[in-house]
């Protein structure tokens, strides 16, 4: 069979050259023999050329990540009966970056929305997001892709729906009067909605033929890691780096599911991956770790545990847990808190981060009023790009510790009660 396939490929190449087809079209034709749907447009060729420029060695980095994650993805896609080319979808979507996040909020190596992640049993609470876990997200993504294929029976539509959503794809098909020809669908998409297919094909062509194009991989650092149980409190990455000499970049790469450079505590200790030799030291020093953290209080709002600490002379900002943010502890004061540094100097004005779950009817101006902040502070703290709020999402507010009880109760108020409070200020 292998010999027969090679003969067919050679015939395609010879016939293609005779017909004046370009290199990209020929490669797509040969890959069609292996089951990849044939689709070509000029945008794919332009994007392939961009990938081949390898600016800032980005293509080499993606190639190295493909080699690192590829086999793991292959095992999962084979488990669900998916074709060989599925593993290239993250290359075009995120560059195989587990910490990737786009403007819509889709996160992870396989960028998924909160809703899709939840549907496929990926947890997202406070500073923990399983969409960023390479293995768990790959499992969820392959299940989602399988479900989409059962709906559309066409991988071009599946790849498109995976990124823009089946609802949007169905709207386009409906406007076309039920026309299922993908070329017509593609031409009816907005320019940014065409990108998933363009980037997928460009990534596949370049990375699948990387050796022929002279692309050398930049290997992902291999670490002999083991899983250990964390401690019964929030554990800042800074403790692990300072006390155990662990590289922050290694810690982040091993545990991309933890945002804000902390291992959260959600009622039970989380699993955390550590280099094997560090894991031994961690278990030996387990009883001492809590005292190193020096927590003063724990605030619980709607089942999400938030830890705070006293602000003393010389301390950095007291934030230990950040929701909806990827800001590290070392950057917290400058990036998430607009208050002057002098506010933290004498410990007389203790502030903590409290969390609020968005309800239907909530608005930025009402929430900023009842939480005693400006709309600009609210949007800055939560990295919001507009005035739209997603029901069910969490917002964080920097409030005085002495008024914590008041702000905690705001979660249980009705829309009318909140508007009354805002109107009375």
Protein backbone atom coordinates (compact mmCIF):
# COMPACT_ATOMS: atom_id res chain seq x y z
CA UNK A 1 0.00 0.00 0.00
CA UNK A 2 2.85 2.38 0.81
CA UNK A 3 4.37 1.79 -2.65
CA UNK A 4 1.00 2.39 -4.29
CA UNK A 5 0.55 5.67 -2.38
CA UNK A 6 4.01 6.86 -3.41
CA UNK A 7 3.27 6.10 -7.06
CA UNK A 8 0.02 8.09 -6.85
CA UNK A 9 1.84 11.01 -5.21
CA UNK A 10 4.52 11.02 -7.93
CA UNK A 11 1.81 10.99 -10.60
CA UNK A 12 0.10 13.96 -8.91
CA UNK A 13 3.37 15.88 -8.86
CA UNK A 14 4.16 15.18 -12.51
CA UNK A 15 0.62 15.98 -13.66
CA UNK A 16 0.50 19.06 -11.48
CA UNK A 17 3.71 20.48 -12.85
CA UNK A 18 2.47 19.82 -16.38
CA UNK A 19 -0.76 21.71 -15.59
CA UNK A 20 1.11 24.67 -14.13
CA UNK A 21 -0.04 24.22 -10.53
CA UNK A 22 2.11 25.91 -7.89
CA UNK A 23 3.98 24.28 -5.01
CA UNK A 24 1.18 24.85 -2.48
CA UNK A 25 -1.49 23.34 -4.71
CA UNK A 26 0.70 20.31 -5.40
CA UNK A 27 1.32 19.72 -1.73
CA UNK A 28 -2.40 19.98 -1.02
CA UNK A 29 -3.12 17.48 -3.79
CA UNK A 30 -0.64 14.98 -2.37
CA UNK A 31 -2.09 15.42 1.13
CA UNK A 32 -5.57 14.86 -0.30
CA UNK A 33 -4.45 11.29 -0.98
CA UNK A 34 -4.04 10.90 2.78
CA UNK A 35 -7.55 12.15 3.49
CA UNK A 36 -7.04 15.90 3.92
CA UNK A 37 -9.89 17.78 2.21
CA UNK A 38 -8.53 19.79 -0.72
CA UNK A 39 -9.05 23.51 -0.38
CA UNK A 40 -6.96 26.26 -1.93
CA UNK A 41 -7.18 30.03 -2.04
CA UNK A 42 -4.63 32.80 -2.49
CA UNK A 43 -4.86 33.71 1.21
CA UNK A 44 -3.46 30.29 2.12
CA UNK A 45 -0.48 30.81 -0.16
CA UNK A 46 0.17 34.28 1.28
CA UNK A 47 -0.01 32.92 4.83
CA UNK A 48 2.33 30.03 3.97
CA UNK A 49 4.86 32.59 2.76
CA UNK A 50 4.46 34.50 6.02
CA UNK A 51 5.13 31.32 8.01
CA UNK A 52 8.21 30.58 5.89
CA UNK A 53 9.70 33.96 6.80
CA UNK A 54 10.07 32.55 10.33
CA UNK A 55 10.12 36.03 11.84
CA UNK A 56 11.43 36.04 15.43
CA UNK A 57 11.85 32.26 14.93
CA UNK A 58 8.12 31.89 15.58
CA UNK A 59 7.71 29.05 13.07
CA UNK A 60 10.66 27.22 14.61
CA UNK A 61 9.06 27.64 18.04
CA UNK A 62 5.73 26.27 16.77
CA UNK A 63 7.54 23.36 15.12
CA UNK A 64 9.27 22.55 18.41
CA UNK A 65 5.93 22.63 20.24
CA UNK A 66 4.41 20.36 17.59
CA UNK A 67 7.14 17.82 18.27
CA UNK A 68 6.57 18.14 22.02
CA UNK A 69 2.76 17.99 22.08
CA UNK A 70 2.12 16.15 18.80
CA UNK A 71 2.43 12.56 20.03
CA UNK A 72 0.22 13.27 23.05
CA UNK A 73 -2.46 14.76 20.80
CA UNK A 74 -2.16 11.86 18.35
CA UNK A 75 -2.97 9.36 21.09
CA UNK A 76 -6.13 11.28 21.99
CA UNK A 77 -7.29 11.85 18.41
CA UNK A 78 -6.79 8.15 17.62
CA UNK A 79 -8.80 7.29 20.74
CA UNK A 80 -11.78 9.16 19.25
CA UNK A 81 -11.23 8.03 15.66
CA UNK A 82 -10.16 11.44 14.35
CA UNK A 83 -7.91 11.84 11.28
CA UNK A 84 -4.16 12.47 11.41
CA UNK A 85 -4.34 16.17 10.51
CA UNK A 86 -6.38 17.19 13.56
CA UNK A 87 -3.19 17.77 15.57
CA UNK A 88 -2.37 20.74 13.31
CA UNK A 89 -5.48 22.71 14.34
CA UNK A 90 -3.77 24.24 17.43
CA UNK A 91 -0.79 25.28 15.31
CA UNK A 92 -2.91 27.68 13.30
CA UNK A 93 -5.09 28.72 16.23
CA UNK A 94 -2.59 29.34 19.03
CA UNK A 95 0.84 28.15 17.95
CA UNK A 96 0.45 25.33 20.53
CA UNK A 97 0.59 27.92 23.33
CA UNK A 98 -1.34 26.62 26.39
CA UNK A 99 -1.60 30.13 27.86
CA UNK A 100 -3.05 31.62 24.68
CA UNK A 101 -6.10 33.89 25.03
CA UNK A 102 -7.83 35.77 22.22
CA UNK A 103 -9.91 38.94 22.34
CA UNK A 104 -13.16 36.99 22.72
CA UNK A 105 -11.88 35.25 25.85
CA UNK A 106 -11.30 31.86 24.20
CA UNK A 107 -8.31 30.32 25.95
CA UNK A 108 -5.83 27.52 25.70
CA UNK A 109 -3.87 25.63 23.09
CA UNK A 110 -7.22 24.78 21.48
CA UNK A 111 -8.87 28.17 22.03
CA UNK A 112 -12.25 27.40 23.59
CA UNK A 113 -14.86 29.66 25.08
CA UNK A 114 -15.93 29.32 28.68
CA UNK A 115 -19.24 27.80 27.53
CA UNK A 116 -17.64 25.09 25.38
CA UNK A 117 -15.06 24.34 28.07
CA UNK A 118 -17.83 23.90 30.63
CA UNK A 119 -19.81 21.66 28.25
CA UNK A 120 -16.82 19.34 27.96
CA UNK A 121 -16.11 19.31 31.71
CA UNK A 122 -13.21 21.77 31.82
CA UNK A 123 -13.19 23.68 35.10
CA UNK A 124 -12.59 27.41 35.33
CA UNK A 125 -12.61 29.01 38.75
CA UNK A 126 -10.71 32.05 40.00
CA UNK A 127 -7.06 31.46 39.08
CA UNK A 128 -7.52 27.93 37.72
CA UNK A 129 -8.45 27.24 34.09
CA UNK A 130 -8.38 23.72 32.66
CA UNK A 131 -8.73 25.08 29.12
CA UNK A 132 -5.02 25.85 29.54
CA UNK A 133 -4.16 22.29 30.57
CA UNK A 134 -2.70 20.68 27.39
CA UNK A 135 -3.88 17.14 28.12
CA UNK A 136 -7.36 17.96 29.46
CA UNK A 137 -8.03 20.56 26.79
CA UNK A 138 -6.89 18.17 24.03
CA UNK A 139 -9.30 15.56 25.36
CA UNK A 140 -12.15 18.09 25.39
CA UNK A 141 -11.23 19.51 21.98
CA UNK A 142 -11.16 16.08 20.33
CA UNK A 143 -14.56 15.26 21.80
CA UNK A 144 -15.91 18.58 20.53
CA UNK A 145 -14.41 18.01 17.07
CA UNK A 146 -15.93 14.54 16.95
CA UNK A 147 -19.34 15.98 17.84
CA UNK A 148 -18.99 18.68 15.18
CA UNK A 149 -18.06 16.09 12.56
CA UNK A 150 -21.19 14.11 13.44
CA UNK A 151 -23.15 17.29 12.66
CA UNK A 152 -21.40 18.47 9.47
CA UNK A 153 -19.59 15.43 8.08
CA UNK A 154 -17.04 17.78 6.50
CA UNK A 155 -13.73 18.75 8.11
CA UNK A 156 -13.63 22.16 6.45
CA UNK A 157 -16.90 23.07 8.15
CA UNK A 158 -15.77 21.41 11.39
CA UNK A 159 -12.55 23.44 11.57
CA UNK A 160 -14.50 26.62 10.86
CA UNK A 161 -17.22 25.84 13.41
CA UNK A 162 -14.62 24.95 16.03
CA UNK A 163 -13.38 28.55 16.06
CA UNK A 164 -16.35 30.71 15.03
CA UNK A 165 -19.01 28.47 16.59
CA UNK A 166 -21.66 26.26 14.96
CA UNK A 167 -24.37 28.89 15.50
CA UNK A 168 -22.51 31.41 13.35
CA UNK A 169 -21.68 28.80 10.70
CA UNK A 170 -25.33 27.73 10.56
CA UNK A 171 -26.36 31.37 10.09
CA UNK A 172 -24.11 31.62 7.04
CA UNK A 173 -25.46 28.35 5.61
CA UNK A 174 -29.03 29.57 6.20
CA UNK A 175 -28.33 32.84 4.36
CA UNK A 176 -27.04 30.76 1.44
CA UNK A 177 -30.35 28.92 1.33
CA UNK A 178 -28.87 25.74 2.74
CA UNK A 179 -25.96 25.65 0.29
CA UNK A 180 -23.31 23.33 1.81
CA UNK A 181 -20.57 23.99 -0.73
CA UNK A 182 -17.65 25.15 1.41
CA UNK A 183 -16.26 27.51 -1.22
CA UNK A 184 -19.56 29.42 -1.16
CA UNK A 185 -19.59 29.32 2.65
CA UNK A 186 -16.00 30.56 2.80
CA UNK A 187 -16.74 33.49 0.48
CA UNK A 188 -19.72 34.46 2.68
CA UNK A 189 -17.68 34.59 5.89
CA UNK A 190 -16.27 37.80 7.33
CA UNK A 191 -12.51 38.14 6.70
CA UNK A 192 -11.61 37.29 10.31
CA UNK A 193 -13.91 34.25 10.19
CA UNK A 194 -11.91 32.82 7.30
CA UNK A 195 -8.71 32.80 9.32
CA UNK A 196 -9.20 29.42 11.08
CA UNK A 197 -9.15 27.55 7.76
CA UNK A 198 -6.41 29.74 6.26
CA UNK A 199 -4.13 29.35 9.27
CA UNK A 200 -4.85 25.62 9.59
CA UNK A 201 -3.82 24.89 6.01
CA UNK A 202 -0.81 27.20 6.14
CA UNK A 203 0.40 25.66 9.42
CA UNK A 204 -0.11 22.13 8.15
CA UNK A 205 1.69 22.73 4.86
CA UNK A 206 4.71 24.37 6.50
CA UNK A 207 5.06 22.18 9.59
CA UNK A 208 4.31 18.90 7.79
CA UNK A 209 7.04 19.75 5.26
CA UNK A 210 9.30 21.65 7.67
CA UNK A 211 12.41 19.66 6.77
CA UNK A 212 11.89 20.34 3.07
CA UNK A 213 11.46 24.04 3.79
CA UNK A 214 14.58 24.12 5.98
CA UNK A 215 12.71 24.94 9.19
CA UNK A 216 14.61 23.81 12.29
CA UNK A 217 12.63 23.24 15.50
CA UNK A 218 13.35 25.09 18.73
CA UNK A 219 12.80 22.28 21.19
CA UNK A 220 10.57 22.63 24.24
CA UNK A 221 12.55 22.01 27.41
CA UNK A 222 11.91 18.48 28.69
CA UNK A 223 11.54 18.26 32.48
CA UNK A 224 11.29 15.09 34.54
CA UNK A 225 8.21 16.19 36.49
CA UNK A 226 5.92 14.52 39.02
CA UNK A 227 2.53 15.52 40.41
CA UNK A 228 2.29 16.47 44.09
CA UNK A 229 -0.52 17.76 46.26
CA UNK A 230 -0.28 21.44 47.11
CA UNK A 231 -0.91 22.80 50.61
CA UNK A 232 -4.14 23.84 52.34
CA UNK A 233 -3.95 27.44 51.22
CA UNK A 234 -3.16 29.53 48.17
CA UNK A 235 0.46 28.95 47.18
CA UNK A 236 2.18 31.80 45.28
CA UNK A 237 4.69 30.71 42.66
CA UNK A 238 7.11 33.12 44.34
CA UNK A 239 7.35 30.76 47.33
CA UNK A 240 8.36 27.89 45.05
CA UNK A 241 10.91 29.97 43.18
CA UNK A 242 12.45 31.64 46.25
CA UNK A 243 12.46 28.70 48.66
CA UNK A 244 13.19 25.85 46.25
CA UNK A 245 15.23 27.57 43.55
CA UNK A 246 12.71 26.65 40.87
CA UNK A 247 12.68 28.63 37.63
CA UNK A 248 9.51 30.68 37.20
CA UNK A 249 9.39 29.87 33.49
CA UNK A 250 9.68 26.13 34.22
CA UNK A 251 6.92 26.38 36.81
CA UNK A 252 4.64 28.20 34.38
CA UNK A 253 5.34 25.74 31.57
CA UNK A 254 4.64 22.76 33.81
CA UNK A 255 1.42 24.28 35.18
CA UNK A 256 -0.17 26.52 32.53
CA UNK A 257 -3.63 25.93 34.04
CA UNK A 258 -2.75 28.18 36.99
CA UNK A 259 -3.28 31.86 36.22
CA UNK A 260 -1.79 34.79 38.12
CA UNK A 261 1.27 32.77 39.19
CA UNK A 262 -0.47 31.07 42.09
CA UNK A 263 -1.59 27.55 42.94
CA UNK A 264 -5.15 28.16 44.19
CA UNK A 265 -6.85 26.43 47.09
CA UNK A 266 -10.44 25.46 46.30
CA UNK A 267 -11.44 23.60 49.43
CA UNK A 268 -8.95 20.82 48.72
CA UNK A 269 -5.29 21.08 47.66
CA UNK A 270 -4.70 21.24 43.91
CA UNK A 271 -2.33 18.97 42.05
CA UNK A 272 0.82 20.77 40.96
CA UNK A 273 3.60 19.51 38.68
CA UNK A 274 7.15 19.96 39.96
CA UNK A 275 10.54 18.70 38.80
CA UNK A 276 11.18 15.35 40.51
CA UNK A 277 14.04 16.62 42.69
CA UNK A 278 12.01 19.69 43.76
CA UNK A 279 9.00 17.49 44.57
CA UNK A 280 11.07 15.60 47.16
CA UNK A 281 12.10 18.85 48.87
CA UNK A 282 8.54 20.16 48.69
CA UNK A 283 7.18 17.15 50.56
CA UNK A 284 9.94 17.43 53.17
CA UNK A 285 9.14 21.12 53.80
CA UNK A 286 5.36 20.80 53.48
CA UNK A 287 4.70 21.72 57.14
CA UNK A 288 6.76 24.91 56.84
CA UNK A 289 5.21 26.23 53.64
CA UNK A 290 2.05 27.68 55.21
CA UNK A 291 4.11 29.75 57.64
CA UNK A 292 6.14 31.14 54.75
CA UNK A 293 3.03 32.43 53.04
CA UNK A 294 1.94 34.45 56.13
CA UNK A 295 -1.73 34.70 55.27
CA UNK A 296 -3.86 36.84 57.53
CA UNK A 297 -7.36 36.12 56.32
CA UNK A 298 -9.36 34.12 53.83
CA UNK A 299 -12.43 35.63 52.24
CA UNK A 300 -15.01 33.33 50.63
CA UNK A 301 -17.49 34.69 48.12
CA UNK A 302 -19.91 32.35 46.38
CA UNK A 303 -17.68 29.33 46.88
CA UNK A 304 -14.51 30.97 45.52
CA UNK A 305 -11.73 31.18 48.11
CA UNK A 306 -9.70 34.36 48.03
CA UNK A 307 -6.64 34.84 50.19
CA UNK A 308 -5.30 38.14 51.46
CA UNK A 309 -2.37 39.25 53.56
CA UNK A 310 -1.49 42.20 55.77
CA UNK A 311 0.35 45.02 54.05
CA UNK A 312 3.52 45.81 55.96
CA UNK A 313 6.38 48.15 55.33
CA UNK A 314 8.27 46.93 52.29
CA UNK A 315 5.56 44.49 51.17
CA UNK A 316 4.26 44.39 47.61
CA UNK A 317 0.55 44.53 46.85
CA UNK A 318 -1.51 42.07 48.85
CA UNK A 319 -3.20 40.34 45.97
CA UNK A 320 -2.73 36.57 46.00
CA UNK A 321 -5.54 35.52 43.71
CA UNK A 322 -6.54 37.14 40.44
CA UNK A 323 -9.53 36.06 38.37
CA UNK A 324 -9.71 36.61 34.62
CA UNK A 325 -6.10 37.79 34.53
CA UNK A 326 -2.67 36.44 33.73
CA UNK A 327 -0.75 39.06 35.73
CA UNK A 328 2.11 37.72 37.84
CA UNK A 329 2.53 38.65 41.50
CA UNK A 330 5.57 40.76 40.79
CA UNK A 331 3.54 42.89 38.37
CA UNK A 332 0.40 43.13 40.48
CA UNK A 333 0.93 46.57 41.97
CA UNK A 334 1.70 48.26 38.68
CA UNK A 335 -0.76 46.47 36.40
CA UNK A 336 -3.86 45.77 38.47
CA UNK A 337 -3.92 48.47 41.14
CA UNK A 338 -3.95 52.13 40.13
CA UNK A 339 -3.48 53.36 43.72
CA UNK A 340 -0.20 55.12 44.57
CA UNK A 341 2.47 52.95 46.19
CA UNK A 342 2.36 55.14 49.29
CA UNK A 343 -1.01 53.56 50.10
CA UNK A 344 0.81 50.31 50.85
CA UNK A 345 3.61 51.76 52.93
CA UNK A 346 2.27 51.94 56.47
CA UNK A 347 -0.30 49.13 56.56
CA UNK A 348 -3.03 51.49 57.79
CA UNK A 349 -5.11 51.16 54.63
CA UNK A 350 -5.48 47.42 54.10
CA UNK A 351 -7.25 46.39 50.93
CA UNK A 352 -8.26 43.04 49.53
CA UNK A 353 -9.62 41.68 46.29
CA UNK A 354 -13.23 40.54 46.42
CA UNK A 355 -15.10 38.81 43.65
CA UNK A 356 -18.56 39.37 42.24
CA UNK A 357 -20.44 37.09 39.84
CA UNK A 358 -22.19 39.01 37.05
CA UNK A 359 -26.00 38.74 36.98
CA UNK A 360 -28.47 39.49 34.22
CA UNK A 361 -29.13 43.24 34.16
CA UNK A 362 -25.79 44.27 35.68
CA UNK A 363 -24.05 47.26 34.12
CA UNK A 364 -20.56 48.68 34.54
CA UNK A 365 -21.76 52.04 35.87
CA UNK A 366 -24.07 50.48 38.48
CA UNK A 367 -21.40 48.07 39.69
CA UNK A 368 -18.75 50.78 39.88
CA UNK A 369 -21.13 52.86 42.02
CA UNK A 370 -21.94 50.13 44.53
CA UNK A 371 -18.31 48.97 44.76
CA UNK A 372 -17.12 52.57 45.25
CA UNK A 373 -14.79 52.72 42.28
CA UNK A 374 -14.76 54.42 38.91
CA UNK A 375 -15.85 52.67 35.68
CA UNK A 376 -12.27 53.12 34.49
CA UNK A 377 -10.91 51.24 37.52
CA UNK A 378 -13.44 48.44 37.04
CA UNK A 379 -12.50 47.96 33.39
CA UNK A 380 -8.78 48.24 34.21
CA UNK A 381 -8.86 45.68 37.03
CA UNK A 382 -10.74 43.19 34.88
CA UNK A 383 -9.06 43.86 31.51
CA UNK A 384 -12.41 44.66 29.88
CA UNK A 385 -12.35 45.94 26.31
CA UNK A 386 -15.86 47.39 26.28
CA UNK A 387 -18.98 47.86 28.35
CA UNK A 388 -20.44 44.41 27.71
CA UNK A 389 -20.56 42.05 30.71
CA UNK A 390 -20.91 38.28 30.38
CA UNK A 391 -23.48 36.81 32.77
CA UNK A 392 -21.87 34.23 35.05
CA UNK A 393 -18.35 35.65 34.75
CA UNK A 394 -16.44 36.93 37.76
CA UNK A 395 -15.32 40.52 38.33
CA UNK A 396 -12.74 41.54 40.91
CA UNK A 397 -12.78 44.72 43.00
CA UNK A 398 -10.08 46.18 45.23
CA UNK A 399 -11.87 47.17 48.43
CA UNK A 400 -11.03 48.13 52.04
CA UNK A 401 -10.70 45.08 54.28
CA UNK A 402 -12.76 46.76 57.01
CA UNK A 403 -15.79 46.93 54.64
CA UNK A 404 -15.42 43.37 53.38
CA UNK A 405 -18.74 42.29 54.92
CA UNK A 406 -20.66 44.98 53.06
CA UNK A 407 -19.10 44.16 49.68
CA UNK A 408 -19.60 40.43 50.20
CA UNK A 409 -23.35 40.93 50.65
CA UNK A 410 -23.61 42.67 47.27
CA UNK A 411 -23.51 39.26 45.59
CA UNK A 412 -26.94 38.39 47.00
CA UNK A 413 -28.76 41.63 46.11
CA UNK A 414 -31.35 41.91 43.36
CA UNK A 415 -30.89 44.24 40.39
CA UNK A 416 -33.43 46.68 41.88
CA UNK A 417 -31.63 46.74 45.24
CA UNK A 418 -28.29 47.41 43.56
CA UNK A 419 -29.76 50.23 41.49
CA UNK A 420 -31.26 51.78 44.62
CA UNK A 421 -27.84 51.73 46.31
CA UNK A 422 -26.22 53.26 43.24
CA UNK A 423 -28.92 55.92 42.99
CA UNK A 424 -28.63 56.92 46.64
CA UNK A 425 -24.88 57.63 46.46
